[in-house]
Amino acid sequence: FAALRIEKNGELFLLPRKEKLLHGMYEFPMVEFSPLQDSPKIIQKKFAENGFRVEIGKPLGSVSHAYSHFTQHVHLFDAKMTGIQTGGWVDSQLLEK
């Protein structure tokens, strides 16, 4: 997956999970991603298809998380929101507590 870290005025853009696994917890916006095939422009297009107009910045790192029956690999990118997006903004200082 490709996840985006979008920060504006000290707030991060996060989305509540709707899937059964970890339902209601918050996550960075994510789309399916193939590290060897997808360029930043492809990632931007995938986010646009999901209603997010963004500009992809530099890669920030990646993490793998093993669940009981699968492993999820997430590549995190810095990004800027280029369209108006309401909701989802969380004060980044609250996350440090």
PDB file of N, CA and C in Angstrom:
ATOM      1  N   PHE A   1       0.832  -1.184   0.000  1.00  0.00           N
ATOM      2  CA  PHE A   1       0.000   0.000   0.000  1.00  0.00           C
ATOM      3  C   PHE A   1       0.878   1.248   0.000  1.00  0.00           C
ATOM      4  N   ALA A   2       0.349   2.332  -0.527  1.00  0.00           N
ATOM      5  CA  ALA A   2       0.970   3.648  -0.418  1.00  0.00           C
ATOM      6  C   ALA A   2       0.097   4.463   0.527  1.00  0.00           C
ATOM      7  N   ALA A   3       0.717   5.042   1.541  1.00  0.00           N
ATOM      8  CA  ALA A   3       0.002   5.885   2.498  1.00  0.00           C
ATOM      9  C   ALA A   3       0.572   7.291   2.406  1.00  0.00           C
ATOM     10  N   LEU A   4      -0.279   8.279   2.701  1.00  0.00           N
ATOM     11  CA  LEU A   4       0.136   9.669   2.608  1.00  0.00           C
ATOM     12  C   LEU A   4       0.129  10.351   3.966  1.00  0.00           C
ATOM     13  N   ARG A   5       1.205  11.067   4.253  1.00  0.00           N
ATOM     14  CA  ARG A   5       1.275  11.917   5.436  1.00  0.00           C
ATOM     15  C   ARG A   5       1.002  13.338   4.945  1.00  0.00           C
ATOM     16  N   ILE A   6      -0.195  13.828   5.232  1.00  0.00           N
ATOM     17  CA  ILE A   6      -0.607  15.158   4.800  1.00  0.00           C
ATOM     18  C   ILE A   6      -0.763  16.024   6.037  1.00  0.00           C
ATOM     19  N   GLU A   7       0.070  17.057   6.145  1.00  0.00           N
ATOM     20  CA  GLU A   7       0.024  17.945   7.300  1.00  0.00           C
ATOM     21  C   GLU A   7      -0.236  19.366   6.831  1.00  0.00           C
ATOM     22  N   LYS A   8      -1.071  20.068   7.584  1.00  0.00           N
ATOM     23  CA  LYS A   8      -1.413  21.453   7.256  1.00  0.00           C
ATOM     24  C   LYS A   8      -1.726  22.179   8.558  1.00  0.00           C
ATOM     25  N   ASN A   9      -1.028  23.276   8.811  1.00  0.00           N
ATOM     26  CA  ASN A   9      -1.266  24.089  10.012  1.00  0.00           C
ATOM     27  C   ASN A   9      -1.218  23.270  11.298  1.00  0.00           C
ATOM     28  N   GLY A  10      -0.267  22.339  11.392  1.00  0.00           N
ATOM     29  CA  GLY A  10      -0.116  21.529  12.597  1.00  0.00           C
ATOM     30  C   GLY A  10      -1.117  20.407  12.742  1.00  0.00           C
ATOM     31  N   GLU A  11      -1.898  20.145  11.699  1.00  0.00           N
ATOM     32  CA  GLU A  11      -2.879  19.057  11.744  1.00  0.00           C
ATOM     33  C   GLU A  11      -2.539  18.012  10.684  1.00  0.00           C
ATOM     34  N   LEU A  12      -2.825  16.749  11.003  1.00  0.00           N
ATOM     35  CA  LEU A  12      -2.643  15.640  10.068  1.00  0.00           C
ATOM     36  C   LEU A  12      -3.996  15.212   9.531  1.00  0.00           C
ATOM     37  N   PHE A  13      -4.015  14.782   8.255  1.00  0.00           N
ATOM     38  CA  PHE A  13      -5.251  14.279   7.666  1.00  0.00           C
ATOM     39  C   PHE A  13      -5.292  12.773   7.863  1.00  0.00           C
ATOM     40  N   LEU A  14      -6.256  12.301   8.649  1.00  0.00           N
ATOM     41  CA  LEU A  14      -6.427  10.882   8.946  1.00  0.00           C
ATOM     42  C   LEU A  14      -7.860  10.471   8.642  1.00  0.00           C
ATOM     43  N   LEU A  15      -8.042   9.187   8.348  1.00  0.00           N
ATOM     44  CA  LEU A  15      -9.370   8.664   8.035  1.00  0.00           C
ATOM     45  C   LEU A  15      -9.736   7.533   8.990  1.00  0.00           C
ATOM     46  N   PRO A  16     -11.001   7.463   9.436  1.00  0.00           N
ATOM     47  CA  PRO A  16     -11.412   6.322  10.262  1.00  0.00           C
ATOM     48  C   PRO A  16     -11.551   5.076   9.391  1.00  0.00           C
ATOM     49  N   ARG A  17     -11.084   3.957   9.904  1.00  0.00           N
ATOM     50  CA  ARG A  17     -11.195   2.693   9.150  1.00  0.00           C
ATOM     51  C   ARG A  17     -12.652   2.241   9.116  1.00  0.00           C
ATOM     52  N   LYS A  18     -13.070   1.773   7.950  1.00  0.00           N
ATOM     53  CA  LYS A  18     -14.428   1.255   7.786  1.00  0.00           C
ATOM     54  C   LYS A  18     -14.434  -0.273   7.694  1.00  0.00           C
ATOM     55  N   GLU A  19     -13.249  -0.853   7.428  1.00  0.00           N
ATOM     56  CA  GLU A  19     -13.147  -2.299   7.319  1.00  0.00           C
ATOM     57  C   GLU A  19     -13.373  -2.943   8.680  1.00  0.00           C
ATOM     58  N   LYS A  20     -13.737  -4.219   8.670  1.00  0.00           N
ATOM     59  CA  LYS A  20     -14.010  -4.935   9.909  1.00  0.00           C
ATOM     60  C   LYS A  20     -12.765  -4.983  10.806  1.00  0.00           C
ATOM     61  N   LEU A  21     -11.601  -5.243  10.201  1.00  0.00           N
ATOM     62  CA  LEU A  21     -10.362  -5.299  10.960  1.00  0.00           C
ATOM     63  C   LEU A  21      -9.967  -3.898  11.412  1.00  0.00           C
ATOM     64  N   LEU A  22      -9.840  -3.701  12.708  1.00  0.00           N
ATOM     65  CA  LEU A  22      -9.461  -2.410  13.309  1.00  0.00           C
ATOM     66  C   LEU A  22     -10.479  -1.307  13.008  1.00  0.00           C
ATOM     67  N   HIS A  23     -11.729  -1.666  12.889  1.00  0.00           N
ATOM     68  CA  HIS A  23     -12.806  -0.719  12.581  1.00  0.00           C
ATOM     69  C   HIS A  23     -12.817   0.452  13.574  1.00  0.00           C
ATOM     70  N   GLY A  24     -12.943   1.657  13.038  1.00  0.00           N
ATOM     71  CA  GLY A  24     -13.045   2.851  13.862  1.00  0.00           C
ATOM     72  C   GLY A  24     -11.712   3.479  14.243  1.00  0.00           C
ATOM     73  N   MET A  25     -10.616   2.744  14.069  1.00  0.00           N
ATOM     74  CA  MET A  25      -9.306   3.339  14.336  1.00  0.00           C
ATOM     75  C   MET A  25      -8.958   4.248  13.156  1.00  0.00           C
ATOM     76  N   TYR A  26      -8.020   5.147  13.365  1.00  0.00           N
ATOM     77  CA  TYR A  26      -7.654   6.095  12.318  1.00  0.00           C
ATOM     78  C   TYR A  26      -6.385   5.661  11.605  1.00  0.00           C
ATOM     79  N   GLU A  27      -6.296   6.018  10.309  1.00  0.00           N
ATOM     80  CA  GLU A  27      -5.131   5.671   9.506  1.00  0.00           C
ATOM     81  C   GLU A  27      -4.863   6.775   8.491  1.00  0.00           C
ATOM     82  N   PHE A  28      -3.643   6.766   7.960  1.00  0.00           N
ATOM     83  CA  PHE A  28      -3.335   7.655   6.855  1.00  0.00           C
ATOM     84  C   PHE A  28      -4.123   7.199   5.630  1.00  0.00           C
ATOM     85  N   PRO A  29      -4.493   8.113   4.720  1.00  0.00           N
ATOM     86  CA  PRO A  29      -5.147   7.686   3.479  1.00  0.00           C
ATOM     87  C   PRO A  29      -4.225   6.711   2.728  1.00  0.00           C
ATOM     88  N   MET A  30      -4.787   5.606   2.221  1.00  0.00           N
ATOM     89  CA  MET A  30      -3.981   4.582   1.542  1.00  0.00           C
ATOM     90  C   MET A  30      -4.650   4.096   0.267  1.00  0.00           C
ATOM     91  N   VAL A  31      -3.807   3.684  -0.689  1.00  0.00           N
ATOM     92  CA  VAL A  31      -4.252   3.006  -1.906  1.00  0.00           C
ATOM     93  C   VAL A  31      -3.305   1.837  -2.162  1.00  0.00           C
ATOM     94  N   GLU A  32      -3.760   0.885  -2.984  1.00  0.00           N
ATOM     95  CA  GLU A  32      -2.884  -0.220  -3.366  1.00  0.00           C
ATOM     96  C   GLU A  32      -1.724   0.337  -4.176  1.00  0.00           C
ATOM     97  N   PHE A  33      -0.557  -0.285  -4.011  1.00  0.00           N
ATOM     98  CA  PHE A  33       0.667   0.260  -4.559  1.00  0.00           C
ATOM     99  C   PHE A  33       1.630  -0.869  -4.878  1.00  0.00           C
ATOM    100  N   SER A  34       2.257  -0.810  -6.034  1.00  0.00           N
ATOM    101  CA  SER A  34       3.294  -1.761  -6.417  1.00  0.00           C
ATOM    102  C   SER A  34       4.618  -1.010  -6.518  1.00  0.00           C
ATOM    103  N   PRO A  35       5.505  -1.159  -5.529  1.00  0.00           N
ATOM    104  CA  PRO A  35       6.728  -0.369  -5.485  1.00  0.00           C
ATOM    105  C   PRO A  35       7.590  -0.451  -6.743  1.00  0.00           C
ATOM    106  N   LEU A  36       7.574  -1.562  -7.419  1.00  0.00           N
ATOM    107  CA  LEU A  36       8.419  -1.707  -8.603  1.00  0.00           C
ATOM    108  C   LEU A  36       7.751  -1.191  -9.873  1.00  0.00           C
ATOM    109  N   GLN A  37       6.449  -0.884  -9.829  1.00  0.00           N
ATOM    110  CA  GLN A  37       5.730  -0.483 -11.037  1.00  0.00           C
ATOM    111  C   GLN A  37       5.113   0.911 -10.952  1.00  0.00           C
ATOM    112  N   ASP A  38       4.695   1.353  -9.781  1.00  0.00           N
ATOM    113  CA  ASP A  38       3.928   2.597  -9.673  1.00  0.00           C
ATOM    114  C   ASP A  38       4.823   3.802  -9.396  1.00  0.00           C
ATOM    115  N   SER A  39       4.697   4.807 -10.240  1.00  0.00           N
ATOM    116  CA  SER A  39       5.417   6.064 -10.056  1.00  0.00           C
ATOM    117  C   SER A  39       4.567   6.995  -9.196  1.00  0.00           C
ATOM    118  N   PRO A  40       5.136   8.112  -8.714  1.00  0.00           N
ATOM    119  CA  PRO A  40       4.319   9.073  -7.954  1.00  0.00           C
ATOM    120  C   PRO A  40       3.086   9.546  -8.728  1.00  0.00           C
ATOM    121  N   LYS A  41       3.192   9.697 -10.036  1.00  0.00           N
ATOM    122  CA  LYS A  41       2.038  10.134 -10.847  1.00  0.00           C
ATOM    123  C   LYS A  41       0.929   9.078 -10.822  1.00  0.00           C
ATOM    124  N   ILE A  42       1.310   7.806 -10.859  1.00  0.00           N
ATOM    125  CA  ILE A  42       0.318   6.720 -10.788  1.00  0.00           C
ATOM    126  C   ILE A  42      -0.358   6.732  -9.419  1.00  0.00           C
ATOM    127  N   ILE A  43       0.432   6.939  -8.364  1.00  0.00           N
ATOM    128  CA  ILE A  43      -0.134   6.993  -7.008  1.00  0.00           C
ATOM    129  C   ILE A  43      -1.119   8.162  -6.910  1.00  0.00           C
ATOM    130  N   GLN A  44      -0.746   9.333  -7.443  1.00  0.00           N
ATOM    131  CA  GLN A  44      -1.647  10.494  -7.438  1.00  0.00           C
ATOM    132  C   GLN A  44      -2.947  10.161  -8.155  1.00  0.00           C
ATOM    133  N   LYS A  45      -2.844   9.474  -9.283  1.00  0.00           N
ATOM    134  CA  LYS A  45      -4.039   9.101 -10.053  1.00  0.00           C
ATOM    135  C   LYS A  45      -4.934   8.160  -9.239  1.00  0.00           C
ATOM    136  N   LYS A  46      -4.330   7.203  -8.542  1.00  0.00           N
ATOM    137  CA  LYS A  46      -5.114   6.276  -7.730  1.00  0.00           C
ATOM    138  C   LYS A  46      -5.841   7.007  -6.605  1.00  0.00           C
ATOM    139  N   PHE A  47      -5.163   7.977  -5.973  1.00  0.00           N
ATOM    140  CA  PHE A  47      -5.825   8.762  -4.931  1.00  0.00           C
ATOM    141  C   PHE A  47      -6.942   9.612  -5.525  1.00  0.00           C
ATOM    142  N   ALA A  48      -6.722  10.185  -6.699  1.00  0.00           N
ATOM    143  CA  ALA A  48      -7.753  10.997  -7.359  1.00  0.00           C
ATOM    144  C   ALA A  48      -8.994  10.154  -7.642  1.00  0.00           C
ATOM    145  N   GLU A  49      -8.801   8.901  -8.023  1.00  0.00           N
ATOM    146  CA  GLU A  49      -9.927   7.997  -8.273  1.00  0.00           C
ATOM    147  C   GLU A  49     -10.729   7.742  -7.005  1.00  0.00           C
ATOM    148  N   ASN A  50     -10.098   7.950  -5.843  1.00  0.00           N
ATOM    149  CA  ASN A  50     -10.768   7.778  -4.554  1.00  0.00           C
ATOM    150  C   ASN A  50     -11.203   9.109  -3.943  1.00  0.00           C
ATOM    151  N   GLY A  51     -11.150  10.185  -4.739  1.00  0.00           N
ATOM    152  CA  GLY A  51     -11.665  11.473  -4.290  1.00  0.00           C
ATOM    153  C   GLY A  51     -10.661  12.386  -3.617  1.00  0.00           C
ATOM    154  N   PHE A  52      -9.364  12.058  -3.685  1.00  0.00           N
ATOM    155  CA  PHE A  52      -8.339  12.879  -3.048  1.00  0.00           C
ATOM    156  C   PHE A  52      -7.409  13.471  -4.105  1.00  0.00           C
ATOM    157  N   ARG A  53      -7.408  14.795  -4.195  1.00  0.00           N
ATOM    158  CA  ARG A  53      -6.473  15.466  -5.101  1.00  0.00           C
ATOM    159  C   ARG A  53      -5.247  15.843  -4.283  1.00  0.00           C
ATOM    160  N   VAL A  54      -4.125  15.177  -4.589  1.00  0.00           N
ATOM    161  CA  VAL A  54      -2.906  15.360  -3.806  1.00  0.00           C
ATOM    162  C   VAL A  54      -1.698  15.514  -4.721  1.00  0.00           C
ATOM    163  N   GLU A  55      -0.646  16.052  -4.145  1.00  0.00           N
ATOM    164  CA  GLU A  55       0.655  16.119  -4.795  1.00  0.00           C
ATOM    165  C   GLU A  55       1.600  15.275  -3.952  1.00  0.00           C
ATOM    166  N   ILE A  56       2.160  14.227  -4.564  1.00  0.00           N
ATOM    167  CA  ILE A  56       3.032  13.303  -3.849  1.00  0.00           C
ATOM    168  C   ILE A  56       4.417  13.913  -3.696  1.00  0.00           C
ATOM    169  N   GLY A  57       4.946  13.862  -2.472  1.00  0.00           N
ATOM    170  CA  GLY A  57       6.286  14.359  -2.188  1.00  0.00           C
ATOM    171  C   GLY A  57       7.265  13.214  -2.039  1.00  0.00           C
ATOM    172  N   LYS A  58       8.260  13.429  -1.203  1.00  0.00           N
ATOM    173  CA  LYS A  58       9.320  12.439  -1.033  1.00  0.00           C
ATOM    174  C   LYS A  58       8.842  11.238  -0.213  1.00  0.00           C
ATOM    175  N   PRO A  59       9.435  10.072  -0.467  1.00  0.00           N
ATOM    176  CA  PRO A  59       9.129   8.907   0.360  1.00  0.00           C
ATOM    177  C   PRO A  59       9.707   9.106   1.760  1.00  0.00           C
ATOM    178  N   LEU A  60       8.935   8.714   2.774  1.00  0.00           N
ATOM    179  CA  LEU A  60       9.353   8.882   4.162  1.00  0.00           C
ATOM    180  C   LEU A  60       9.812   7.583   4.804  1.00  0.00           C
ATOM    181  N   GLY A  61       9.501   6.461   4.177  1.00  0.00           N
ATOM    182  CA  GLY A  61       9.899   5.161   4.725  1.00  0.00           C
ATOM    183  C   GLY A  61       8.820   4.130   4.490  1.00  0.00           C
ATOM    184  N   SER A  62       9.039   2.955   5.026  1.00  0.00           N
ATOM    185  CA  SER A  62       8.051   1.885   4.880  1.00  0.00           C
ATOM    186  C   SER A  62       8.036   1.042   6.154  1.00  0.00           C
ATOM    187  N   VAL A  63       6.942   0.334   6.316  1.00  0.00           N
ATOM    188  CA  VAL A  63       6.773  -0.534   7.478  1.00  0.00           C
ATOM    189  C   VAL A  63       5.991  -1.772   7.050  1.00  0.00           C
ATOM    190  N   SER A  64       6.297  -2.885   7.682  1.00  0.00           N
ATOM    191  CA  SER A  64       5.545  -4.121   7.463  1.00  0.00           C
ATOM    192  C   SER A  64       4.920  -4.510   8.790  1.00  0.00           C
ATOM    193  N   HIS A  65       3.649  -4.906   8.735  1.00  0.00           N
ATOM    194  CA  HIS A  65       2.949  -5.308   9.948  1.00  0.00           C
ATOM    195  C   HIS A  65       2.364  -6.697   9.716  1.00  0.00           C
ATOM    196  N   ALA A  66       2.761  -7.644  10.555  1.00  0.00           N
ATOM    197  CA  ALA A  66       2.282  -9.014  10.419  1.00  0.00           C
ATOM    198  C   ALA A  66       1.038  -9.222  11.276  1.00  0.00           C
ATOM    199  N   TYR A  67      -0.043  -9.612  10.621  1.00  0.00           N
ATOM    200  CA  TYR A  67      -1.257 -10.027  11.313  1.00  0.00           C
ATOM    201  C   TYR A  67      -1.227 -11.550  11.397  1.00  0.00           C
ATOM    202  N   SER A  68      -2.247 -12.150  11.943  1.00  0.00           N
ATOM    203  CA  SER A  68      -2.229 -13.608  12.112  1.00  0.00           C
ATOM    204  C   SER A  68      -2.253 -14.364  10.783  1.00  0.00           C
ATOM    205  N   HIS A  69      -2.880 -13.803   9.756  1.00  0.00           N
ATOM    206  CA  HIS A  69      -3.033 -14.534   8.490  1.00  0.00           C
ATOM    207  C   HIS A  69      -2.519 -13.782   7.266  1.00  0.00           C
ATOM    208  N   PHE A  70      -1.882 -12.616   7.442  1.00  0.00           N
ATOM    209  CA  PHE A  70      -1.273 -11.905   6.321  1.00  0.00           C
ATOM    210  C   PHE A  70      -0.330 -10.829   6.844  1.00  0.00           C
ATOM    211  N   THR A  71       0.496 -10.327   5.958  1.00  0.00           N
ATOM    212  CA  THR A  71       1.410  -9.234   6.290  1.00  0.00           C
ATOM    213  C   THR A  71       1.089  -8.056   5.387  1.00  0.00           C
ATOM    214  N   GLN A  72       1.009  -6.880   5.955  1.00  0.00           N
ATOM    215  CA  GLN A  72       0.712  -5.671   5.189  1.00  0.00           C
ATOM    216  C   GLN A  72       1.980  -4.816   5.110  1.00  0.00           C
ATOM    217  N   HIS A  73       2.350  -4.439   3.884  1.00  0.00           N
ATOM    218  CA  HIS A  73       3.500  -3.580   3.647  1.00  0.00           C
ATOM    219  C   HIS A  73       2.978  -2.205   3.244  1.00  0.00           C
ATOM    220  N   VAL A  74       3.422  -1.158   3.962  1.00  0.00           N
ATOM    221  CA  VAL A  74       2.956   0.199   3.694  1.00  0.00           C
ATOM    222  C   VAL A  74       4.158   1.103   3.446  1.00  0.00           C
ATOM    223  N   HIS A  75       4.130   1.828   2.335  1.00  0.00           N
ATOM    224  CA  HIS A  75       5.151   2.809   1.988  1.00  0.00           C
ATOM    225  C   HIS A  75       4.542   4.183   2.233  1.00  0.00           C
ATOM    226  N   LEU A  76       5.185   4.981   3.085  1.00  0.00           N
ATOM    227  CA  LEU A  76       4.656   6.288   3.467  1.00  0.00           C
ATOM    228  C   LEU A  76       5.325   7.390   2.654  1.00  0.00           C
ATOM    229  N   PHE A  77       4.500   8.288   2.099  1.00  0.00           N
ATOM    230  CA  PHE A  77       4.976   9.415   1.314  1.00  0.00           C
ATOM    231  C   PHE A  77       4.491  10.710   1.945  1.00  0.00           C
ATOM    232  N   ASP A  78       5.321  11.726   1.872  1.00  0.00           N
ATOM    233  CA  ASP A  78       4.893  13.071   2.239  1.00  0.00           C
ATOM    234  C   ASP A  78       3.981  13.547   1.108  1.00  0.00           C
ATOM    235  N   ALA A  79       2.962  14.324   1.409  1.00  0.00           N
ATOM    236  CA  ALA A  79       2.040  14.782   0.363  1.00  0.00           C
ATOM    237  C   ALA A  79       1.382  16.088   0.772  1.00  0.00           C
ATOM    238  N   LYS A  80       0.870  16.775  -0.237  1.00  0.00           N
ATOM    239  CA  LYS A  80       0.101  18.000  -0.017  1.00  0.00           C
ATOM    240  C   LYS A  80      -1.270  17.816  -0.650  1.00  0.00           C
ATOM    241  N   MET A  81      -2.288  18.285   0.042  1.00  0.00           N
ATOM    242  CA  MET A  81      -3.649  18.261  -0.487  1.00  0.00           C
ATOM    243  C   MET A  81      -3.766  19.421  -1.468  1.00  0.00           C
ATOM    244  N   THR A  82      -4.164  19.141  -2.704  1.00  0.00           N
ATOM    245  CA  THR A  82      -4.298  20.201  -3.697  1.00  0.00           C
ATOM    246  C   THR A  82      -5.749  20.603  -3.908  1.00  0.00           C
ATOM    247  N   GLY A  83      -6.668  19.815  -3.394  1.00  0.00           N
ATOM    248  CA  GLY A  83      -8.083  20.151  -3.463  1.00  0.00           C
ATOM    249  C   GLY A  83      -8.601  20.435  -2.067  1.00  0.00           C
ATOM    250  N   ILE A  84      -9.807  20.916  -1.982  1.00  0.00           N
ATOM    251  CA  ILE A  84     -10.418  21.179  -0.680  1.00  0.00           C
ATOM    252  C   ILE A  84     -10.939  19.870  -0.116  1.00  0.00           C
ATOM    253  N   GLN A  85     -10.548  19.571   1.107  1.00  0.00           N
ATOM    254  CA  GLN A  85     -10.988  18.342   1.763  1.00  0.00           C
ATOM    255  C   GLN A  85     -11.434  18.687   3.171  1.00  0.00           C
ATOM    256  N   THR A  86     -12.676  18.406   3.475  1.00  0.00           N
ATOM    257  CA  THR A  86     -13.178  18.680   4.815  1.00  0.00           C
ATOM    258  C   THR A  86     -13.151  17.401   5.635  1.00  0.00           C
ATOM    259  N   GLY A  87     -13.103  17.563   6.942  1.00  0.00           N
ATOM    260  CA  GLY A  87     -13.081  16.406   7.819  1.00  0.00           C
ATOM    261  C   GLY A  87     -11.737  15.716   7.794  1.00  0.00           C
ATOM    262  N   GLY A  88     -11.457  14.932   8.798  1.00  0.00           N
ATOM    263  CA  GLY A  88     -10.245  14.148   8.821  1.00  0.00           C
ATOM    264  C   GLY A  88      -9.029  14.840   9.400  1.00  0.00           C
ATOM    265  N   TRP A  89      -9.122  16.147   9.696  1.00  0.00           N
ATOM    266  CA  TRP A  89      -7.960  16.869  10.221  1.00  0.00           C
ATOM    267  C   TRP A  89      -7.881  16.699  11.730  1.00  0.00           C
ATOM    268  N   VAL A  90      -6.716  16.222  12.211  1.00  0.00           N
ATOM    269  CA  VAL A  90      -6.497  15.944  13.630  1.00  0.00           C
ATOM    270  C   VAL A  90      -5.245  16.696  14.080  1.00  0.00           C
ATOM    271  N   ASP A  91      -5.332  17.365  15.207  1.00  0.00           N
ATOM    272  CA  ASP A  91      -4.188  18.089  15.765  1.00  0.00           C
ATOM    273  C   ASP A  91      -3.058  17.096  16.025  1.00  0.00           C
ATOM    274  N   SER A  92      -1.919  17.290  15.378  1.00  0.00           N
ATOM    275  CA  SER A  92      -0.808  16.337  15.500  1.00  0.00           C
ATOM    276  C   SER A  92      -0.275  16.240  16.928  1.00  0.00           C
ATOM    277  N   GLN A  93      -0.452  17.270  17.750  1.00  0.00           N
ATOM    278  CA  GLN A  93       0.003  17.214  19.142  1.00  0.00           C
ATOM    279  C   GLN A  93      -0.827  16.237  19.968  1.00  0.00           C
ATOM    280  N   LEU A  94      -2.075  16.014  19.585  1.00  0.00           N
ATOM    281  CA  LEU A  94      -2.919  15.051  20.299  1.00  0.00           C
ATOM    282  C   LEU A  94      -2.402  13.624  20.116  1.00  0.00           C
ATOM    283  N   LEU A  95      -1.743  13.377  18.992  1.00  0.00           N
ATOM    284  CA  LEU A  95      -1.238  12.030  18.711  1.00  0.00           C
ATOM    285  C   LEU A  95      -0.014  11.690  19.542  1.00  0.00           C
ATOM    286  N   GLU A  96       0.646  12.697  20.058  1.00  0.00           N
ATOM    287  CA  GLU A  96       1.856  12.472  20.851  1.00  0.00           C
ATOM    288  C   GLU A  96       1.538  12.039  22.278  1.00  0.00           C
ATOM    289  N   LYS A  97       0.300  12.174  22.696  1.00  0.00           N
ATOM    290  CA  LYS A  97      -0.082  11.821  24.070  1.00  0.00           C
ATOM    291  C   LYS A  97      -0.279  10.352  24.257  1.00  0.00           C
TER     292      LYS A  97
END
